Protein backbone atom coordinates (compact mmCIF):
# COMPACT_ATOMS: atom_id res chain seq x y z
CA MET A 1 -33.72 58.04 48.79
CA THR A 2 -32.35 57.51 45.29
CA ALA A 3 -29.44 55.30 44.32
CA PRO A 4 -26.20 57.03 43.32
CA GLU A 5 -25.66 57.54 39.61
CA PRO A 6 -23.53 54.71 38.16
CA THR A 7 -19.89 55.30 37.28
CA CYS A 8 -17.65 53.02 35.25
CA SER A 9 -15.60 50.72 37.49
CA ARG A 10 -12.73 50.79 34.97
CA CYS A 11 -12.37 54.42 33.88
CA GLY A 12 -14.59 56.33 36.34
CA ARG A 13 -16.83 57.92 33.69
CA ALA A 14 -20.27 58.90 34.99
CA ARG A 15 -23.38 57.67 33.20
CA ALA A 16 -25.01 61.02 33.96
CA ALA A 17 -22.47 62.63 31.60
CA GLU A 18 -24.03 60.84 28.60
CA THR A 19 -25.87 63.24 26.32
CA ASP A 20 -27.11 60.53 23.93
CA PRO A 21 -29.94 58.44 25.44
CA LEU A 22 -28.86 55.37 23.45
CA ALA A 23 -25.34 55.62 24.88
CA ALA A 24 -26.80 55.74 28.38
CA LEU A 25 -28.68 52.50 27.65
CA ALA A 26 -25.49 50.79 26.42
CA TRP A 27 -23.94 50.65 29.89
CA VAL A 28 -23.25 47.13 31.21
CA SER A 29 -24.12 46.05 34.75
CA THR A 30 -22.25 43.15 36.37
CA LYS A 31 -22.40 41.63 39.80
CA GLU A 32 -19.11 40.53 41.39
CA ASN A 33 -18.96 39.15 44.92
CA GLY A 34 -22.44 40.53 45.57
CA GLU A 35 -21.46 44.06 44.51
CA GLN A 36 -22.98 45.72 41.46
CA ARG A 37 -20.45 47.24 39.08
CA TRP A 38 -20.94 49.25 35.90
CA LEU A 39 -18.96 49.46 32.67
CA CYS A 40 -19.33 52.28 30.17
CA PRO A 41 -19.83 51.24 26.52
CA ASP A 42 -16.17 51.92 25.65
CA CYS A 43 -14.76 49.84 28.53
CA ALA A 44 -17.31 47.08 27.92
CA ARG A 45 -16.23 46.90 24.28
CA ASN A 46 -12.54 46.89 25.24
CA HIS A 47 -12.99 44.19 27.91
CA VAL A 48 -15.59 41.94 26.26
CA ARG A 49 -13.31 38.88 26.52
CA ASP A 50 -13.09 39.33 30.30
CA ILE A 51 -16.87 39.50 30.44
CA GLU A 52 -17.30 36.40 28.23
CA GLY A 53 -14.76 34.51 30.34
CA LYS A 54 -17.03 34.84 33.37
CA LEU A 55 -19.98 33.18 31.65
CA PRO A 56 -20.75 29.60 32.74
CA ASP A 57 -19.83 26.78 30.37
CA GLU A 58 -23.54 26.00 29.90
CA TYR A 59 -23.91 29.33 28.10
CA TRP A 60 -21.71 28.16 25.24
């Protein structure tokens, strides 16, 4: 059994729709409350401050 193809949790775009292999590699995976979520490159770029805000203080 294979895992379902990731879709962006913000805009719903499917990673399978990517025609450029580099764009498919640019997807961001996050884990929130034990659930894996995906962000497409555009949403990740638009919401980078939200992502950085979740990093622990030790990171900085």
